[in-house]
Protein backbone atom coordinates (compact mmCIF):
# COMPACT_ATOMS: atom_id res chain seq x y z
CA UNK A 1 68.35 -34.86 -51.23
CA UNK A 2 67.59 -31.33 -52.38
CA UNK A 3 67.29 -28.36 -50.04
CA UNK A 4 63.50 -28.27 -50.54
CA UNK A 5 63.18 -31.98 -49.65
CA UNK A 6 65.40 -31.53 -46.60
CA UNK A 7 63.41 -28.49 -45.44
CA UNK A 8 60.19 -30.52 -45.53
CA UNK A 9 61.77 -33.53 -43.81
CA UNK A 10 63.43 -31.59 -40.97
CA UNK A 11 60.55 -29.21 -40.33
CA UNK A 12 58.38 -32.33 -39.82
CA UNK A 13 60.99 -33.97 -37.58
CA UNK A 14 61.35 -30.83 -35.46
CA UNK A 15 57.59 -30.46 -35.27
CA UNK A 16 57.42 -33.94 -33.71
CA UNK A 17 59.72 -32.92 -30.85
CA UNK A 18 58.09 -32.10 -27.53
CA UNK A 19 59.09 -28.89 -25.75
CA UNK A 20 60.81 -31.11 -23.18
CA UNK A 21 62.79 -32.81 -26.00
CA UNK A 22 63.83 -29.40 -27.34
CA UNK A 23 65.08 -28.35 -23.91
CA UNK A 24 66.95 -31.59 -23.17
CA UNK A 25 68.57 -31.68 -26.62
CA UNK A 26 69.50 -27.98 -26.36
CA UNK A 27 71.32 -28.60 -23.06
CA UNK A 28 73.25 -31.47 -24.67
CA UNK A 29 74.23 -29.21 -27.58
CA UNK A 30 75.42 -26.48 -25.18
CA UNK A 31 77.53 -29.06 -23.33
CA UNK A 32 79.04 -30.29 -26.62
CA UNK A 33 80.02 -26.71 -27.46
CA UNK A 34 82.19 -26.59 -24.35
CA UNK A 35 84.48 -29.18 -25.99
CA UNK A 36 85.31 -26.86 -28.92
CA UNK A 37 88.47 -24.69 -29.04
CA UNK A 38 86.44 -21.50 -29.59
CA UNK A 39 86.42 -19.79 -26.22
CA UNK A 40 89.43 -17.44 -26.60
CA UNK A 41 87.48 -15.05 -28.84
CA UNK A 42 85.62 -11.86 -27.86
CA UNK A 43 82.52 -11.38 -30.05
CA UNK A 44 79.98 -14.22 -30.36
CA UNK A 45 76.91 -13.88 -32.57
CA UNK A 46 73.95 -15.99 -31.51
CA UNK A 47 70.40 -16.38 -32.72
CA UNK A 48 67.48 -16.15 -30.32
CA UNK A 49 65.32 -19.23 -30.89
CA UNK A 50 61.94 -19.08 -32.57
CA UNK A 51 59.99 -21.23 -30.11
CA UNK A 52 57.12 -22.06 -32.47
CA UNK A 53 59.68 -23.43 -34.99
CA UNK A 54 61.22 -25.57 -32.22
CA UNK A 55 64.70 -24.21 -32.88
CA UNK A 56 67.61 -25.04 -30.58
CA UNK A 57 67.03 -23.16 -27.33
CA UNK A 58 70.07 -20.89 -27.14
CA UNK A 59 69.41 -19.74 -23.54
CA UNK A 60 71.93 -22.34 -22.34
CA UNK A 61 74.61 -21.07 -24.73
CA UNK A 62 73.82 -17.50 -23.66
CA UNK A 63 74.48 -18.56 -20.05
CA UNK A 64 77.86 -20.03 -21.04
CA UNK A 65 78.80 -16.86 -22.94
CA UNK A 66 77.74 -14.64 -20.02
CA UNK A 67 79.66 -16.83 -17.58
CA UNK A 68 82.76 -16.49 -19.73
CA UNK A 69 82.21 -12.70 -19.92
CA UNK A 70 81.97 -12.65 -23.73
CA UNK A 71 80.48 -9.95 -25.94
CA UNK A 72 77.17 -11.36 -27.18
CA UNK A 73 75.76 -10.12 -30.47
CA UNK A 74 72.15 -10.61 -31.67
CA UNK A 75 70.50 -9.55 -34.91
CA UNK A 76 67.50 -7.78 -36.30
CA UNK A 77 66.29 -8.91 -39.74
CA UNK A 78 65.17 -6.61 -42.54
CA UNK A 79 62.87 -8.64 -44.82
CA UNK A 80 63.00 -6.01 -47.58
CA UNK A 81 66.78 -6.06 -48.01
CA UNK A 82 67.24 -9.62 -46.63
CA UNK A 83 70.02 -8.29 -44.41
CA UNK A 84 70.61 -8.37 -40.69
CA UNK A 85 71.79 -5.58 -38.41
CA UNK A 86 73.75 -6.74 -35.36
CA UNK A 87 73.55 -5.38 -31.83
CA UNK A 88 75.46 -5.97 -28.63
CA UNK A 89 73.24 -7.80 -26.13
CA UNK A 90 73.36 -5.94 -22.81
CA UNK A 91 71.23 -5.83 -19.68
CA UNK A 92 69.41 -2.85 -21.24
CA UNK A 93 68.63 -4.52 -24.58
CA UNK A 94 64.89 -4.80 -25.16
CA UNK A 95 63.86 -7.90 -27.14
CA UNK A 96 60.59 -8.13 -29.04
CA UNK A 97 59.23 -10.78 -31.44
CA UNK A 98 58.83 -9.53 -35.00
CA UNK A 99 55.84 -10.62 -37.11
CA UNK A 100 57.64 -13.92 -37.94
CA UNK A 101 58.01 -14.62 -34.18
CA UNK A 102 61.76 -14.02 -34.35
CA UNK A 103 62.97 -12.47 -31.08
CA UNK A 104 64.97 -9.37 -32.01
CA UNK A 105 66.55 -6.37 -30.30
CA UNK A 106 64.54 -3.17 -30.71
CA UNK A 107 67.74 -1.09 -30.79
CA UNK A 108 71.10 -0.87 -29.10
CA UNK A 109 74.81 -0.63 -29.79
CA UNK A 110 75.39 -1.67 -33.39
CA UNK A 111 78.25 -4.10 -34.06
CA UNK A 112 80.02 -4.49 -37.43
CA UNK A 113 80.15 -7.91 -39.12
CA UNK A 114 83.94 -7.54 -39.13
CA UNK A 115 84.09 -7.60 -35.31
CA UNK A 116 82.30 -10.94 -34.97
CA UNK A 117 84.60 -13.89 -34.21
CA UNK A 118 82.13 -16.78 -33.83
CA UNK A 119 78.63 -17.24 -35.29
CA UNK A 120 76.18 -19.84 -34.00
CA UNK A 121 73.90 -20.65 -36.93
CA UNK A 122 70.32 -21.96 -36.89
CA UNK A 123 69.66 -24.57 -39.55
CA UNK A 124 67.21 -27.24 -40.59
CA UNK A 125 69.72 -29.75 -41.99
CA UNK A 126 73.40 -30.13 -42.86
CA UNK A 127 75.58 -32.66 -44.63
CA UNK A 128 78.88 -34.41 -44.04
CA UNK A 129 80.68 -31.83 -46.20
CA UNK A 130 79.64 -28.89 -43.97
CA UNK A 131 76.87 -27.55 -46.21
CA UNK A 132 73.71 -26.36 -44.51
CA UNK A 133 70.04 -25.78 -45.22
CA UNK A 134 68.17 -22.96 -43.52
CA UNK A 135 64.77 -21.48 -44.22
CA UNK A 136 65.84 -20.39 -47.72
CA UNK A 137 65.85 -16.60 -47.44
CA UNK A 138 69.65 -16.23 -47.64
CA UNK A 139 70.03 -14.03 -44.52
CA UNK A 140 72.94 -16.02 -43.12
CA UNK A 141 74.77 -16.43 -46.46
CA UNK A 142 74.66 -12.66 -46.95
CA UNK A 143 75.70 -12.01 -43.33
CA UNK A 144 78.54 -14.58 -43.32
CA UNK A 145 79.91 -13.37 -46.66
CA UNK A 146 80.52 -9.98 -45.00
CA UNK A 147 82.29 -11.37 -41.93
CA UNK A 148 86.07 -11.61 -41.72
CA UNK A 149 87.58 -14.80 -43.25
CA UNK A 150 88.58 -16.11 -39.81
CA UNK A 151 85.04 -15.96 -38.37
CA UNK A 152 84.06 -19.42 -37.13
CA UNK A 153 80.72 -20.70 -38.39
CA UNK A 154 79.04 -23.20 -36.06
CA UNK A 155 75.73 -24.85 -36.95
CA UNK A 156 73.43 -26.16 -34.22
CA UNK A 157 71.21 -29.14 -35.01
CA UNK A 158 69.03 -31.62 -33.13
CA UNK A 159 69.70 -34.17 -35.89
CA UNK A 160 72.77 -35.82 -37.40
CA UNK A 161 74.30 -35.04 -40.81
CA UNK A 162 72.79 -36.05 -44.12
CA UNK A 163 75.16 -37.73 -46.56
CA UNK A 164 74.90 -34.97 -49.19
CA UNK A 165 72.83 -31.89 -50.04
CA UNK A 166 72.52 -32.21 -53.81
CA UNK A 167 71.80 -28.61 -54.84
CA UNK A 168 74.49 -26.47 -53.23
CA UNK A 169 75.11 -23.10 -54.89
CA UNK A 170 78.34 -21.19 -55.37
CA UNK A 171 77.32 -18.47 -52.88
CA UNK A 172 76.32 -20.92 -50.12
CA UNK A 173 78.62 -20.57 -47.14
CA UNK A 174 79.58 -23.76 -45.35
CA UNK A 175 80.23 -24.51 -41.70
CA UNK A 176 83.43 -24.92 -39.72
CA UNK A 177 81.59 -27.05 -37.15
CA UNK A 178 78.13 -28.45 -36.61
CA UNK A 179 77.11 -29.49 -33.12
CA UNK A 180 74.37 -32.00 -32.34
CA UNK A 181 73.35 -33.52 -29.00
CA UNK A 182 75.49 -36.59 -29.80
CA UNK A 183 78.41 -35.34 -31.85
CA UNK A 184 80.60 -32.48 -33.06
CA UNK A 185 81.29 -32.39 -36.82
CA UNK A 186 84.41 -30.52 -37.88
CA UNK A 187 85.05 -29.33 -41.45
């Protein structure tokens, strides 16, 4: 399937999930993450879920990261440049939804892409080769291309892998892992 077809399919599938389903599946995903050999790092970038899009609720992963005393990094999106600025999440960080309902830090301590060790990535679909489909704006491809080569890229999905995304581009950045409620895919 093409990215456009997968976007339509998975937006519809996510839309059919109840808020209770989202919560239960998100807890299962957080528990699957605990099985990964990723916890020796320092800086973890995480997205804050867009509730109306029924994204994976990352509150459970945030709790794990806090419990392990990790540096948590969140982003603010610039829709003119299609780039993200990253900030350390602290007790003093003020979060506000932008006009796309994306929860973002208002300001804070800026963190360089090069410091980030692990990135948890929102996505709509992924395939068995580690390719992913997001919302199509390219924010994460641009961000990930500026991270260090050793940065781990971990997709989070309520659904299992598609066989193949047919229209992958040269600049698309693949995953190292994708975690679902039932399984961990490793690439």
